[in-house]
Protein backbone atom coordinates (compact mmCIF):
# COMPACT_ATOMS: atom_id res chain seq x y z
CA UNK A 1 84.59 123.29 24.36
CA UNK A 2 92.54 124.13 30.33
CA UNK A 3 94.84 121.97 32.27
CA UNK A 4 92.97 119.16 34.02
CA UNK A 5 92.57 119.66 37.67
CA UNK A 6 89.98 118.27 39.97
CA UNK A 7 89.06 120.49 42.92
CA UNK A 8 86.34 119.22 45.25
CA UNK A 9 82.78 120.27 44.46
CA UNK A 10 81.91 123.42 46.31
CA UNK A 11 79.19 123.13 48.89
CA UNK A 12 76.36 124.78 46.96
CA UNK A 13 73.00 125.68 48.30
CA UNK A 14 70.26 124.87 45.63
CA UNK A 15 66.69 125.79 45.69
CA UNK A 16 64.84 123.12 43.72
CA UNK A 17 61.88 124.69 41.88
CA UNK A 18 59.71 122.21 40.09
CA UNK A 19 56.94 124.43 38.75
CA UNK A 20 59.09 126.94 36.77
CA UNK A 21 62.25 126.96 34.78
CA UNK A 22 65.54 127.96 36.34
CA UNK A 23 66.97 131.35 35.42
CA UNK A 24 70.62 131.28 34.42
CA UNK A 25 72.58 133.69 36.56
CA UNK A 26 76.11 134.34 35.52
CA UNK A 27 79.28 136.24 36.40
CA UNK A 28 82.27 137.21 34.36
CA UNK A 29 85.92 136.87 35.38
CA UNK A 30 88.77 138.69 33.79
CA UNK A 31 91.60 136.14 33.61
CA UNK A 32 95.35 136.74 32.78
CA UNK A 33 95.84 138.44 29.43
CA UNK A 34 97.45 136.54 26.57
CA UNK A 35 101.11 137.93 26.31
CA UNK A 36 100.13 139.93 23.08
CA UNK A 37 97.10 141.55 21.55
CA UNK A 38 95.78 139.60 18.60
CA UNK A 39 92.74 139.47 16.21
CA UNK A 40 91.21 136.38 14.58
CA UNK A 41 93.46 133.67 16.17
CA UNK A 42 92.36 129.99 16.27
CA UNK A 43 91.26 128.46 19.62
CA UNK A 44 90.43 124.99 20.77
CA UNK A 45 90.04 123.08 23.96
CA UNK A 46 91.17 119.47 24.52
CA UNK A 47 90.05 117.67 27.75
CA UNK A 48 89.63 121.02 29.44
CA UNK A 49 92.90 122.50 28.23
CA UNK A 50 92.72 125.74 26.24
CA UNK A 51 95.08 126.48 23.37
CA UNK A 52 95.36 129.69 21.31
CA UNK A 53 97.54 130.34 18.31
CA UNK A 54 98.30 132.46 15.28
CA UNK A 55 96.18 135.53 14.37
CA UNK A 56 97.05 138.99 13.20
CA UNK A 57 98.74 141.75 15.06
CA UNK A 58 98.89 144.52 12.45
CA UNK A 59 97.49 145.37 8.98
CA UNK A 60 98.73 146.84 6.84
CA UNK A 61 101.38 145.64 6.40
CA UNK A 62 100.33 142.14 7.22
CA UNK A 63 101.86 141.02 10.54
CA UNK A 64 100.99 137.48 11.71
CA UNK A 65 101.46 136.53 15.41
CA UNK A 66 102.43 132.87 14.84
CA UNK A 67 103.09 130.66 17.83
CA UNK A 68 100.70 128.93 20.22
CA UNK A 69 100.03 129.31 24.01
CA UNK A 70 98.13 127.18 26.62
CA UNK A 71 96.13 128.73 29.35
CA UNK A 72 96.71 127.07 32.87
CA UNK A 73 93.69 127.86 35.03
CA UNK A 74 95.30 126.48 38.26
CA UNK A 75 97.82 129.25 38.19
CA UNK A 76 95.99 131.74 35.88
CA UNK A 77 98.97 131.91 33.49
CA UNK A 78 99.97 131.32 29.87
CA UNK A 79 102.73 129.08 28.73
CA UNK A 80 104.26 128.69 25.38
CA UNK A 81 103.65 125.47 23.34
CA UNK A 82 104.94 124.19 19.99
CA UNK A 83 103.53 126.13 17.14
CA UNK A 84 101.86 124.65 14.22
CA UNK A 85 104.41 123.64 11.58
CA UNK A 86 102.21 125.04 8.74
CA UNK A 87 102.17 128.68 7.58
CA UNK A 88 101.39 131.38 10.05
CA UNK A 89 97.82 132.51 9.48
CA UNK A 90 94.88 134.42 10.71
CA UNK A 91 91.13 133.62 10.37
CA UNK A 92 91.79 129.85 10.90
CA UNK A 93 89.38 127.88 12.92
CA UNK A 94 89.80 125.08 15.45
CA UNK A 95 87.82 122.16 16.92
CA UNK A 96 88.69 119.14 19.09
CA UNK A 97 88.02 115.46 18.70
CA UNK A 98 89.19 112.38 20.59
CA UNK A 99 91.81 114.04 22.64
CA UNK A 100 93.30 116.10 19.68
CA UNK A 101 92.93 119.69 18.63
CA UNK A 102 92.48 120.48 14.95
CA UNK A 103 92.97 123.73 12.88
CA UNK A 104 92.19 124.21 9.28
CA UNK A 105 92.31 126.96 6.53
CA UNK A 106 93.23 130.53 7.12
CA UNK A 107 94.74 133.63 5.38
CA UNK A 108 98.64 133.56 5.11
CA UNK A 109 99.60 136.45 2.99
CA UNK A 110 98.20 139.73 1.45
CA UNK A 111 100.47 140.41 -1.51
CA UNK A 112 100.21 138.06 -3.27
CA UNK A 113 97.05 136.82 -1.62
CA UNK A 114 97.67 133.35 -0.16
CA UNK A 115 94.85 131.46 1.48
CA UNK A 116 95.38 127.99 2.63
CA UNK A 117 93.32 124.80 3.10
CA UNK A 118 95.70 122.58 5.19
CA UNK A 119 94.60 120.66 8.24
CA UNK A 120 96.66 119.88 11.29
CA UNK A 121 96.09 117.86 14.48
CA UNK A 122 97.70 118.71 17.79
CA UNK A 123 98.32 116.25 20.65
CA UNK A 124 98.55 117.96 23.97
CA UNK A 125 100.31 115.09 25.82
CA UNK A 126 103.31 115.12 23.47
CA UNK A 127 102.98 118.82 22.36
CA UNK A 128 103.37 117.74 18.73
CA UNK A 129 101.51 118.38 15.47
CA UNK A 130 100.63 116.02 12.63
CA UNK A 131 99.51 116.98 9.15
CA UNK A 132 96.00 115.68 8.15
CA UNK A 133 93.95 115.52 5.01
CA UNK A 134 93.66 119.06 3.62
CA UNK A 135 90.26 120.62 3.67
CA UNK A 136 88.83 119.88 0.15
CA UNK A 137 86.31 122.77 -0.08
CA UNK A 138 88.81 125.37 -1.20
CA UNK A 139 91.11 127.79 0.43
CA UNK A 140 89.28 130.29 2.70
CA UNK A 141 89.33 132.14 6.09
CA UNK A 142 86.80 133.23 8.72
CA UNK A 143 84.94 129.97 8.21
CA UNK A 144 83.32 128.20 11.17
CA UNK A 145 84.52 124.88 12.69
CA UNK A 146 83.03 122.81 15.52
CA UNK A 147 82.63 119.15 16.56
CA UNK A 148 80.12 116.75 17.95
CA UNK A 149 81.53 113.83 20.01
CA UNK A 150 82.48 111.86 16.82
CA UNK A 151 82.90 114.23 13.88
CA UNK A 152 84.31 117.65 13.05
CA UNK A 153 82.56 120.21 10.82
CA UNK A 154 83.81 123.15 8.80
CA UNK A 155 82.09 125.33 6.31
CA UNK A 156 81.02 128.80 5.15
CA UNK A 157 83.81 131.49 5.26
CA UNK A 158 85.22 133.99 2.75
CA UNK A 159 87.03 134.54 -0.54
CA UNK A 160 84.59 134.22 -2.11
CA UNK A 161 81.74 133.79 0.22
CA UNK A 162 80.87 130.12 0.80
CA UNK A 163 77.80 128.16 1.96
CA UNK A 164 79.20 124.67 1.85
CA UNK A 165 79.38 122.15 4.78
CA UNK A 166 82.03 119.51 5.29
CA UNK A 167 82.23 116.63 7.81
CA UNK A 168 85.72 115.36 9.07
CA UNK A 169 86.04 111.77 10.19
CA UNK A 170 89.14 111.50 12.41
CA UNK A 171 89.32 107.72 12.24
CA UNK A 172 89.54 107.77 8.40
CA UNK A 173 91.29 111.15 8.22
CA UNK A 174 88.70 112.07 5.54
CA UNK A 175 86.55 115.00 4.68
CA UNK A 176 83.05 114.45 3.19
CA UNK A 177 80.74 117.11 1.81
CA UNK A 178 77.31 117.25 3.41
CA UNK A 179 74.17 119.29 2.73
CA UNK A 180 75.05 122.90 2.11
CA UNK A 181 74.03 125.49 4.69
CA UNK A 182 70.56 126.76 3.48
CA UNK A 183 70.80 130.24 4.96
CA UNK A 184 73.26 131.50 2.23
CA UNK A 185 76.90 132.11 1.85
CA UNK A 186 78.61 134.16 4.63
CA UNK A 187 81.69 134.61 6.80
CA UNK A 188 82.39 135.09 10.49
CA UNK A 189 79.15 133.20 11.49
CA UNK A 190 78.42 131.70 14.93
CA UNK A 191 78.28 128.09 15.85
CA UNK A 192 77.69 126.05 18.97
CA UNK A 193 76.83 122.43 19.65
CA UNK A 194 74.20 121.15 22.07
CA UNK A 195 73.19 117.55 22.50
CA UNK A 196 74.99 116.49 19.29
CA UNK A 197 73.00 119.15 17.26
CA UNK A 198 74.98 121.86 15.55
CA UNK A 199 73.64 125.38 15.51
CA UNK A 200 74.85 127.88 12.92
CA UNK A 201 73.89 131.46 12.07
CA UNK A 202 74.49 135.19 11.92
CA UNK A 203 77.66 136.43 10.21
CA UNK A 204 77.83 138.74 7.13
CA UNK A 205 77.08 138.13 3.43
CA UNK A 206 78.63 141.50 2.51
CA UNK A 207 80.23 144.50 4.18
CA UNK A 208 76.73 145.98 4.73
CA UNK A 209 74.53 142.96 5.17
CA UNK A 210 74.81 141.46 8.65
CA UNK A 211 72.56 138.48 9.41
CA UNK A 212 70.55 137.24 12.44
CA UNK A 213 69.24 133.75 11.40
CA UNK A 214 69.84 130.47 13.15
CA UNK A 215 69.79 126.94 11.77
CA UNK A 216 70.13 123.54 13.49
CA UNK A 217 72.03 120.79 11.70
CA UNK A 218 71.28 117.14 12.46
CA UNK A 219 74.37 115.03 11.63
CA UNK A 220 72.37 111.72 11.61
CA UNK A 221 69.88 112.91 8.94
CA UNK A 222 72.20 115.44 7.19
CA UNK A 223 69.42 118.05 7.43
CA UNK A 224 69.10 121.71 8.33
CA UNK A 225 66.08 123.18 10.27
CA UNK A 226 65.38 126.91 10.72
CA UNK A 227 65.19 127.96 14.30
CA UNK A 228 64.50 131.29 15.93
CA UNK A 229 66.84 134.00 14.80
CA UNK A 230 68.86 136.24 17.13
CA UNK A 231 66.71 139.28 17.71
CA UNK A 232 69.45 141.46 16.31
CA UNK A 233 71.98 141.00 13.42
CA UNK A 234 75.50 140.13 14.42
CA UNK A 235 78.85 139.60 12.81
CA UNK A 236 82.16 138.28 14.13
CA UNK A 237 80.69 137.53 17.61
CA UNK A 238 82.02 135.17 20.22
CA UNK A 239 79.86 131.96 20.52
CA UNK A 240 80.04 128.86 22.72
CA UNK A 241 78.01 126.33 24.65
CA UNK A 242 77.56 126.90 28.31
CA UNK A 243 75.12 125.11 30.80
CA UNK A 244 73.34 123.46 27.77
CA UNK A 245 72.62 126.87 26.19
CA UNK A 246 74.11 128.74 23.23
CA UNK A 247 75.84 131.94 24.11
CA UNK A 248 76.49 134.80 21.64
CA UNK A 249 78.57 137.65 23.01
CA UNK A 250 79.61 141.03 21.57
CA UNK A 251 80.48 141.18 17.88
CA UNK A 252 79.56 143.85 15.23
CA UNK A 253 76.29 145.42 14.28
CA UNK A 254 75.43 148.18 11.77
CA UNK A 255 74.66 151.69 13.17
CA UNK A 256 71.99 153.96 11.48
CA UNK A 257 74.64 155.12 8.98
CA UNK A 258 75.34 151.51 8.01
CA UNK A 259 78.74 151.54 9.57
CA UNK A 260 79.94 148.58 11.67
CA UNK A 261 80.10 149.15 15.42
CA UNK A 262 81.08 146.71 18.20
CA UNK A 263 78.45 145.71 20.72
CA UNK A 264 78.50 144.52 24.35
CA UNK A 265 75.22 142.46 24.29
CA UNK A 266 75.04 138.90 25.65
CA UNK A 267 72.26 136.56 24.32
CA UNK A 268 71.53 132.95 25.25
CA UNK A 269 69.67 130.43 23.17
CA UNK A 270 67.54 127.76 24.83
CA UNK A 271 67.07 124.77 22.46
CA UNK A 272 64.00 123.28 24.43
CA UNK A 273 61.92 126.46 23.87
CA UNK A 274 63.70 127.74 20.69
CA UNK A 275 64.05 131.14 22.28
CA UNK A 276 66.58 133.84 22.97
CA UNK A 277 67.12 135.73 26.29
CA UNK A 278 69.17 138.93 26.62
CA UNK A 279 71.42 138.96 29.74
CA UNK A 280 73.44 141.84 31.19
CA UNK A 281 75.98 143.32 28.92
CA UNK A 282 79.53 141.96 28.75
CA UNK A 283 81.48 144.05 31.42
CA UNK A 284 84.57 144.68 29.23
CA UNK A 285 84.90 146.98 26.22
CA UNK A 286 82.73 145.85 23.30
CA UNK A 287 84.75 143.89 20.82
CA UNK A 288 84.59 141.33 17.97
CA UNK A 289 86.58 138.99 15.78
CA UNK A 290 88.37 137.22 18.61
CA UNK A 291 88.05 133.63 19.70
CA UNK A 292 85.99 131.56 22.13
CA UNK A 293 85.29 127.95 23.25
CA UNK A 294 83.84 125.82 26.00
CA UNK A 295 86.11 124.01 28.37
CA UNK A 296 85.56 122.19 31.68
CA UNK A 297 81.86 123.10 31.59
CA UNK A 298 82.64 126.91 31.41
CA UNK A 299 82.81 129.35 28.56
CA UNK A 300 85.90 131.36 27.57
CA UNK A 301 86.36 134.26 25.19
CA UNK A 302 89.16 136.66 24.35
CA UNK A 303 91.21 138.78 22.10
CA UNK A 304 89.82 140.54 18.98
CA UNK A 305 89.34 144.14 18.07
CA UNK A 306 87.52 147.14 19.67
CA UNK A 307 86.69 149.19 16.70
CA UNK A 308 86.48 148.63 12.84
CA UNK A 309 87.01 152.17 11.47
CA UNK A 310 89.89 153.54 9.54
CA UNK A 311 92.43 153.52 12.38
CA UNK A 312 95.59 151.48 12.95
CA UNK A 313 94.60 147.96 13.76
CA UNK A 314 97.19 147.43 16.46
CA UNK A 315 95.79 150.33 18.48
CA UNK A 316 92.39 148.64 18.65
CA UNK A 317 93.23 145.02 19.43
CA UNK A 318 93.12 143.38 22.82
CA UNK A 319 94.86 140.58 24.67
CA UNK A 320 92.11 140.18 27.31
CA UNK A 321 90.88 136.77 28.24
CA UNK A 322 87.55 136.25 30.08
CA UNK A 323 85.62 133.34 31.60
CA UNK A 324 81.95 132.97 32.27
CA UNK A 325 80.59 130.97 35.12
CA UNK A 326 77.29 130.65 36.96
CA UNK A 327 76.66 132.82 39.95
CA UNK A 328 76.34 130.78 43.21
CA UNK A 329 72.70 131.48 43.63
CA UNK A 330 69.50 129.55 43.27
CA UNK A 331 65.82 130.36 42.72
CA UNK A 332 62.84 129.48 44.85
CA UNK A 333 59.18 130.24 45.36
CA UNK A 334 56.49 129.54 47.84
CA UNK A 335 55.73 125.85 48.01
CA UNK A 336 58.91 124.78 46.29
CA UNK A 337 60.71 121.65 47.29
CA UNK A 338 63.10 121.86 50.24
CA UNK A 339 66.62 123.15 50.05
CA UNK A 340 69.14 120.66 48.70
CA UNK A 341 72.77 120.59 49.72
CA UNK A 342 75.40 119.33 47.27
CA UNK A 343 78.93 118.53 48.17
CA UNK A 344 81.68 115.98 47.55
CA UNK A 345 83.86 113.82 49.62
CA UNK A 346 86.63 111.61 48.28
CA UNK A 347 84.99 111.57 44.75
CA UNK A 348 81.53 111.06 45.84
CA UNK A 349 78.76 113.61 45.35
CA UNK A 350 76.48 113.85 48.42
CA UNK A 351 72.97 115.19 47.92
CA UNK A 352 70.92 115.90 51.05
CA UNK A 353 67.31 117.07 51.37
CA UNK A 354 65.18 117.98 54.27
CA UNK A 355 61.92 117.09 52.71
CA UNK A 356 59.43 114.40 53.92
CA UNK A 357 59.07 112.45 50.70
CA UNK A 358 61.73 110.61 48.54
CA UNK A 359 63.08 112.56 45.62
CA UNK A 360 64.34 110.72 42.44
CA UNK A 361 67.11 112.63 40.66
CA UNK A 362 69.59 112.30 37.84
CA UNK A 363 72.85 114.25 37.43
CA UNK A 364 74.43 115.19 34.16
CA UNK A 365 77.44 117.29 33.29
CA UNK A 366 77.26 120.32 30.96
CA UNK A 367 77.82 118.07 27.89
CA UNK A 368 74.74 115.96 28.77
CA UNK A 369 76.77 113.01 29.98
CA UNK A 370 74.95 111.08 32.74
CA UNK A 371 77.03 111.27 35.92
CA UNK A 372 74.62 109.31 38.19
CA UNK A 373 71.08 108.90 39.47
CA UNK A 374 69.20 107.70 42.40
CA UNK A 375 66.64 108.57 45.08
CA UNK A 376 67.31 111.03 47.94
CA UNK A 377 65.55 109.54 50.99
CA UNK A 378 63.24 111.66 53.15
CA UNK A 379 65.37 113.94 55.33
CA UNK A 380 68.38 111.94 54.11
CA UNK A 381 71.39 111.84 51.78
CA UNK A 382 72.03 110.19 48.53
CA UNK A 383 75.72 109.35 47.68
CA UNK A 384 76.77 109.08 44.02
CA UNK A 385 80.27 108.01 43.11
CA UNK A 386 81.90 110.38 40.57
CA UNK A 387 84.64 109.03 38.40
CA UNK A 388 85.83 112.51 37.32
CA UNK A 389 84.55 115.28 39.59
CA UNK A 390 85.85 118.11 37.36
CA UNK A 391 85.18 121.75 37.60
CA UNK A 392 82.10 123.03 35.68
CA UNK A 393 78.34 122.91 35.50
CA UNK A 394 76.30 119.90 36.74
CA UNK A 395 72.50 119.60 36.31
CA UNK A 396 70.45 118.06 39.03
CA UNK A 397 67.17 116.82 37.53
CA UNK A 398 64.21 115.73 39.55
CA UNK A 399 61.84 113.11 38.21
CA UNK A 400 59.42 115.86 37.40
CA UNK A 401 60.16 119.48 36.79
CA UNK A 402 63.26 121.30 35.43
CA UNK A 403 66.95 120.58 35.99
CA UNK A 404 68.77 123.01 38.27
CA UNK A 405 72.25 124.20 37.38
CA UNK A 406 74.92 123.73 40.06
CA UNK A 407 78.37 125.47 39.72
CA UNK A 408 81.20 123.20 40.55
CA UNK A 409 84.69 124.53 41.14
């Protein structure tokens, strides 16, 4: 879901195409590497700030990374922050709510086996941690955690395999069990949140059974609905929300000999059509079991492991960190509406058209929050005051037709 900074909106040419849907065009940017290679750390974003901590650096013997770092996009650097006071761990999961980051569960030791179910909240403004109600579903690792705008969710995971689903209320500091995940017990699944709906799927129910299904959870009705599954099975992938679509990147698949192999595929899920689209492959080396999140309207992923054969773990881990962003292009066709120009001046979004008829539009950010609305006059300009012109994706929606995605940086 990075340090808050507010550059002006880039002047972005936009072809407004009413009759057909926009095609998402993306680019990848390799950012500054984390100071160390690590597998299965936790990761969360709070108000656009990205935090990464813990994870494993070698096994066997078990070597845990510990510590926590924050990524600063303004300088493309990492800085050290206060580590979680709880045990060092790997396979923990994080989410953010109401200006705080949360982590829960994880694997803390191999011999004897120590798994944990504690929950901690991190406040970026004071760089401090506070213990919260322990996760009541039992100790585990490689679960999934995510959050809507009001509640956090954790479930699934390993040791043994779980299919349960728990809701966290930050106001009451209380966990409540909800309807179990109907797709079956598994670990290292994917999850992303779009329009307050939680999507969960894929993962593995054994070392040789990788899954491809997808389910939508509605927090209001506490119900699960099957959706179109990923066209290929995937385990330990990177998943996040970007431009109102779900992204699934890399991860493991089974080769013809039933051995796990890392993949470079990139898939996007469109909720409106319940369909998947394969994009160009991830440009880096295929990998899995790292961490990912959405922040500032963009998607981030990093870390993890290149191979999963019988080789030293440390030789196959990565410290790389990547960001996905929309390419600065538009689409058009014969007879499409005129070119729009979008820019900002002193916190105001200015939308100009050269058409001969008024054009009603609304503008939302990547989370679906309404930024503004109005009518662009014929051959004129509409001014919309923006309280927080942050970097990221904005969607310009005409009264009829499909929203067009505009990259802001």
